[in-house]
Amino acid sequence: MASLAFSFGLQNVAVYMLIGLMITAVFIPLHKVECILGYVMGAAFFTGPVIPFIGVALFSTVSVLSHYCFKPLLLRFKNV
């Protein structure tokens, strides 16, 4: 959807959608293969396959850090 919005000249909408994706990555594990493949296949239609991988690197990093580093730390401090 962000690629489609960008293609129609709605850059602000595309930016807000990608920021929303980053916020979603904190709560939902977006580093799974299905999420990555869906994002790359959808965005590759409009921009080519290289640019979506930059986005994948960003939201996967946020997702992995939040689910494997920050979440266990928060749960450990919650139990103390």
N, C-alpha and C. Protein backbone atom coordinates (compact mmCIF):
# COMPACT_ATOMS: atom_id res chain seq x y z
N MET A 1 0.82 -1.18 0.00
CA MET A 1 0.00 0.00 0.00
C MET A 1 0.87 1.25 0.00
N ALA A 2 1.96 1.23 0.72
CA ALA A 2 2.83 2.41 0.76
C ALA A 2 3.43 2.67 -0.61
N SER A 3 3.77 1.62 -1.34
CA SER A 3 4.32 1.79 -2.68
C SER A 3 3.28 2.36 -3.63
N LEU A 4 2.06 1.92 -3.48
CA LEU A 4 0.97 2.43 -4.30
C LEU A 4 0.71 3.90 -4.00
N ALA A 5 0.71 4.27 -2.73
CA ALA A 5 0.53 5.67 -2.35
C ALA A 5 1.67 6.52 -2.89
N PHE A 6 2.88 6.01 -2.83
CA PHE A 6 4.03 6.75 -3.34
C PHE A 6 3.94 6.91 -4.85
N SER A 7 3.47 5.88 -5.55
CA SER A 7 3.34 5.94 -7.00
C SER A 7 2.30 6.96 -7.44
N PHE A 8 1.26 7.16 -6.65
CA PHE A 8 0.23 8.14 -6.98
C PHE A 8 0.58 9.54 -6.49
N GLY A 9 1.78 9.73 -5.96
CA GLY A 9 2.23 11.05 -5.55
C GLY A 9 1.83 11.44 -4.14
N LEU A 10 1.42 10.49 -3.35
CA LEU A 10 1.03 10.76 -1.97
C LEU A 10 2.17 10.38 -1.03
N GLN A 11 3.25 11.14 -1.11
CA GLN A 11 4.44 10.80 -0.34
C GLN A 11 4.19 10.88 1.15
N ASN A 12 3.40 11.82 1.61
CA ASN A 12 3.13 11.94 3.05
C ASN A 12 2.40 10.71 3.57
N VAL A 13 1.44 10.22 2.81
CA VAL A 13 0.71 9.02 3.21
C VAL A 13 1.66 7.82 3.28
N ALA A 14 2.55 7.71 2.29
CA ALA A 14 3.50 6.60 2.27
C ALA A 14 4.43 6.65 3.47
N VAL A 15 4.88 7.84 3.83
CA VAL A 15 5.77 7.98 4.98
C VAL A 15 5.05 7.58 6.27
N TYR A 16 3.81 8.02 6.42
CA TYR A 16 3.06 7.67 7.63
C TYR A 16 2.76 6.19 7.69
N MET A 17 2.53 5.57 6.55
CA MET A 17 2.29 4.12 6.54
C MET A 17 3.55 3.36 6.96
N LEU A 18 4.71 3.81 6.50
CA LEU A 18 5.95 3.14 6.88
C LEU A 18 6.31 3.39 8.34
N ILE A 19 5.99 4.57 8.85
CA ILE A 19 6.19 4.82 10.29
C ILE A 19 5.26 3.93 11.10
N GLY A 20 4.03 3.77 10.62
CA GLY A 20 3.10 2.86 11.27
C GLY A 20 3.59 1.42 11.25
N LEU A 21 4.27 1.04 10.16
CA LEU A 21 4.85 -0.30 10.09
C LEU A 21 5.95 -0.48 11.12
N MET A 22 6.75 0.57 11.34
CA MET A 22 7.81 0.49 12.35
C MET A 22 7.21 0.37 13.75
N ILE A 23 6.13 1.09 14.02
CA ILE A 23 5.48 1.00 15.33
C ILE A 23 4.85 -0.38 15.50
N THR A 24 4.27 -0.91 14.43
CA THR A 24 3.68 -2.25 14.48
C THR A 24 4.74 -3.30 14.74
N ALA A 25 5.95 -3.08 14.24
CA ALA A 25 7.04 -4.05 14.43
C ALA A 25 7.42 -4.20 15.89
N VAL A 26 7.09 -3.21 16.71
CA VAL A 26 7.39 -3.31 18.14
C VAL A 26 6.46 -4.32 18.81
N PHE A 27 5.23 -4.40 18.35
CA PHE A 27 4.23 -5.24 19.01
C PHE A 27 3.98 -6.58 18.32
N ILE A 28 4.17 -6.65 17.02
CA ILE A 28 3.91 -7.87 16.24
C ILE A 28 5.23 -8.32 15.63
N PRO A 29 5.55 -9.60 15.69
CA PRO A 29 6.83 -10.06 15.12
C PRO A 29 6.84 -10.00 13.59
N LEU A 30 7.32 -8.91 13.04
CA LEU A 30 7.38 -8.73 11.60
C LEU A 30 8.68 -9.26 10.99
N HIS A 31 9.52 -9.89 11.80
CA HIS A 31 10.75 -10.44 11.26
C HIS A 31 10.55 -11.86 10.73
N LYS A 32 9.32 -12.34 10.72
CA LYS A 32 9.03 -13.67 10.20
C LYS A 32 9.13 -13.65 8.67
N VAL A 33 9.43 -14.79 8.09
CA VAL A 33 9.65 -14.89 6.65
C VAL A 33 8.42 -14.50 5.86
N GLU A 34 7.23 -14.84 6.34
CA GLU A 34 6.01 -14.54 5.61
C GLU A 34 5.80 -13.03 5.49
N CYS A 35 6.09 -12.31 6.55
CA CYS A 35 5.93 -10.85 6.52
C CYS A 35 6.94 -10.21 5.58
N ILE A 36 8.16 -10.69 5.63
CA ILE A 36 9.21 -10.14 4.77
C ILE A 36 8.88 -10.40 3.31
N LEU A 37 8.49 -11.62 2.98
CA LEU A 37 8.18 -11.96 1.59
C LEU A 37 6.99 -11.15 1.08
N GLY A 38 5.96 -11.01 1.88
CA GLY A 38 4.80 -10.23 1.46
C GLY A 38 5.14 -8.77 1.21
N TYR A 39 5.95 -8.19 2.08
CA TYR A 39 6.33 -6.78 1.91
C TYR A 39 7.18 -6.61 0.66
N VAL A 40 8.15 -7.48 0.47
CA VAL A 40 9.06 -7.34 -0.68
C VAL A 40 8.32 -7.59 -1.98
N MET A 41 7.45 -8.60 -2.02
CA MET A 41 6.72 -8.88 -3.26
C MET A 41 5.77 -7.74 -3.61
N GLY A 42 5.11 -7.17 -2.61
CA GLY A 42 4.20 -6.07 -2.86
C GLY A 42 4.92 -4.80 -3.29
N ALA A 43 6.01 -4.49 -2.65
CA ALA A 43 6.73 -3.26 -2.96
C ALA A 43 7.61 -3.40 -4.21
N ALA A 44 8.04 -4.60 -4.53
CA ALA A 44 8.90 -4.81 -5.69
C ALA A 44 8.17 -4.52 -7.00
N PHE A 45 6.86 -4.64 -6.98
CA PHE A 45 6.08 -4.36 -8.18
C PHE A 45 6.22 -2.90 -8.59
N PHE A 46 6.36 -2.00 -7.63
CA PHE A 46 6.43 -0.57 -7.92
C PHE A 46 7.85 -0.04 -7.92
N THR A 47 8.72 -0.54 -7.07
CA THR A 47 10.03 0.09 -6.91
C THR A 47 11.21 -0.79 -7.28
N GLY A 48 11.00 -2.04 -7.55
CA GLY A 48 12.11 -2.96 -7.78
C GLY A 48 12.43 -3.69 -6.49
N PRO A 49 13.22 -4.75 -6.58
CA PRO A 49 13.43 -5.59 -5.40
C PRO A 49 14.45 -5.08 -4.39
N VAL A 50 15.27 -4.10 -4.73
CA VAL A 50 16.35 -3.69 -3.83
C VAL A 50 15.85 -2.74 -2.75
N ILE A 51 15.05 -1.77 -3.11
CA ILE A 51 14.59 -0.77 -2.16
C ILE A 51 13.75 -1.38 -1.03
N PRO A 52 12.85 -2.35 -1.31
CA PRO A 52 12.12 -2.95 -0.19
C PRO A 52 13.01 -3.67 0.82
N PHE A 53 14.14 -4.19 0.38
CA PHE A 53 15.03 -4.86 1.33
C PHE A 53 15.63 -3.88 2.32
N ILE A 54 15.77 -2.62 1.95
CA ILE A 54 16.22 -1.61 2.91
C ILE A 54 15.17 -1.44 4.00
N GLY A 55 13.90 -1.38 3.59
CA GLY A 55 12.82 -1.31 4.57
C GLY A 55 12.75 -2.54 5.44
N VAL A 56 12.96 -3.70 4.82
CA VAL A 56 12.97 -4.96 5.58
C VAL A 56 14.07 -4.96 6.63
N ALA A 57 15.23 -4.45 6.26
CA ALA A 57 16.33 -4.39 7.23
C ALA A 57 15.96 -3.51 8.42
N LEU A 58 15.26 -2.41 8.16
CA LEU A 58 14.87 -1.52 9.25
C LEU A 58 13.80 -2.13 10.15
N PHE A 59 12.68 -2.58 9.56
CA PHE A 59 11.62 -3.05 10.45
C PHE A 59 11.92 -4.41 11.02
N SER A 60 12.75 -5.20 10.37
CA SER A 60 13.15 -6.48 10.97
C SER A 60 14.07 -6.27 12.17
N THR A 61 14.94 -5.29 12.06
CA THR A 61 15.83 -4.97 13.18
C THR A 61 15.02 -4.49 14.38
N VAL A 62 14.07 -3.62 14.14
CA VAL A 62 13.22 -3.14 15.24
C VAL A 62 12.43 -4.29 15.84
N SER A 63 11.90 -5.16 14.99
CA SER A 63 11.09 -6.27 15.47
C SER A 63 11.91 -7.27 16.28
N VAL A 64 13.09 -7.62 15.78
CA VAL A 64 13.94 -8.58 16.49
C VAL A 64 14.40 -8.01 17.83
N LEU A 65 14.82 -6.75 17.83
CA LEU A 65 15.26 -6.14 19.09
C LEU A 65 14.14 -6.07 20.10
N SER A 66 12.94 -5.72 19.65
CA SER A 66 11.84 -5.58 20.60
C SER A 66 11.38 -6.93 21.13
N HIS A 67 11.43 -7.97 20.31
CA HIS A 67 10.90 -9.26 20.75
C HIS A 67 11.92 -10.15 21.45
N TYR A 68 13.20 -9.99 21.12
CA TYR A 68 14.21 -10.85 21.72
C TYR A 68 15.11 -10.16 22.73
N CYS A 69 15.08 -8.83 22.78
CA CYS A 69 15.93 -8.11 23.74
C CYS A 69 15.09 -7.34 24.76
N PHE A 70 14.24 -6.44 24.26
CA PHE A 70 13.51 -5.56 25.17
C PHE A 70 12.37 -6.28 25.90
N LYS A 71 11.64 -7.11 25.20
CA LYS A 71 10.51 -7.81 25.83
C LYS A 71 10.95 -8.72 26.97
N PRO A 72 12.01 -9.55 26.80
CA PRO A 72 12.46 -10.34 27.95
C PRO A 72 12.95 -9.49 29.12
N LEU A 73 13.59 -8.36 28.82
CA LEU A 73 14.03 -7.48 29.91
C LEU A 73 12.84 -6.90 30.67
N LEU A 74 11.83 -6.48 29.93
CA LEU A 74 10.64 -5.94 30.59
C LEU A 74 9.93 -7.00 31.43
N LEU A 75 9.86 -8.22 30.92
CA LEU A 75 9.21 -9.28 31.68
C LEU A 75 10.02 -9.65 32.92
N ARG A 76 11.34 -9.58 32.84
CA ARG A 76 12.18 -9.88 33.99
C ARG A 76 12.00 -8.82 35.08
N PHE A 77 11.95 -7.54 34.68
CA PHE A 77 11.75 -6.49 35.67
C PHE A 77 10.34 -6.47 36.22
N LYS A 78 9.38 -6.93 35.44
CA LYS A 78 8.01 -6.99 35.91
C LYS A 78 7.86 -8.03 37.02
N ASN A 79 8.59 -9.13 36.92
CA ASN A 79 8.50 -10.22 37.91
C ASN A 79 9.29 -9.92 39.17
N VAL A 80 10.14 -8.92 39.17
CA VAL A 80 10.96 -8.62 40.34
C VAL A 80 10.21 -7.85 41.37
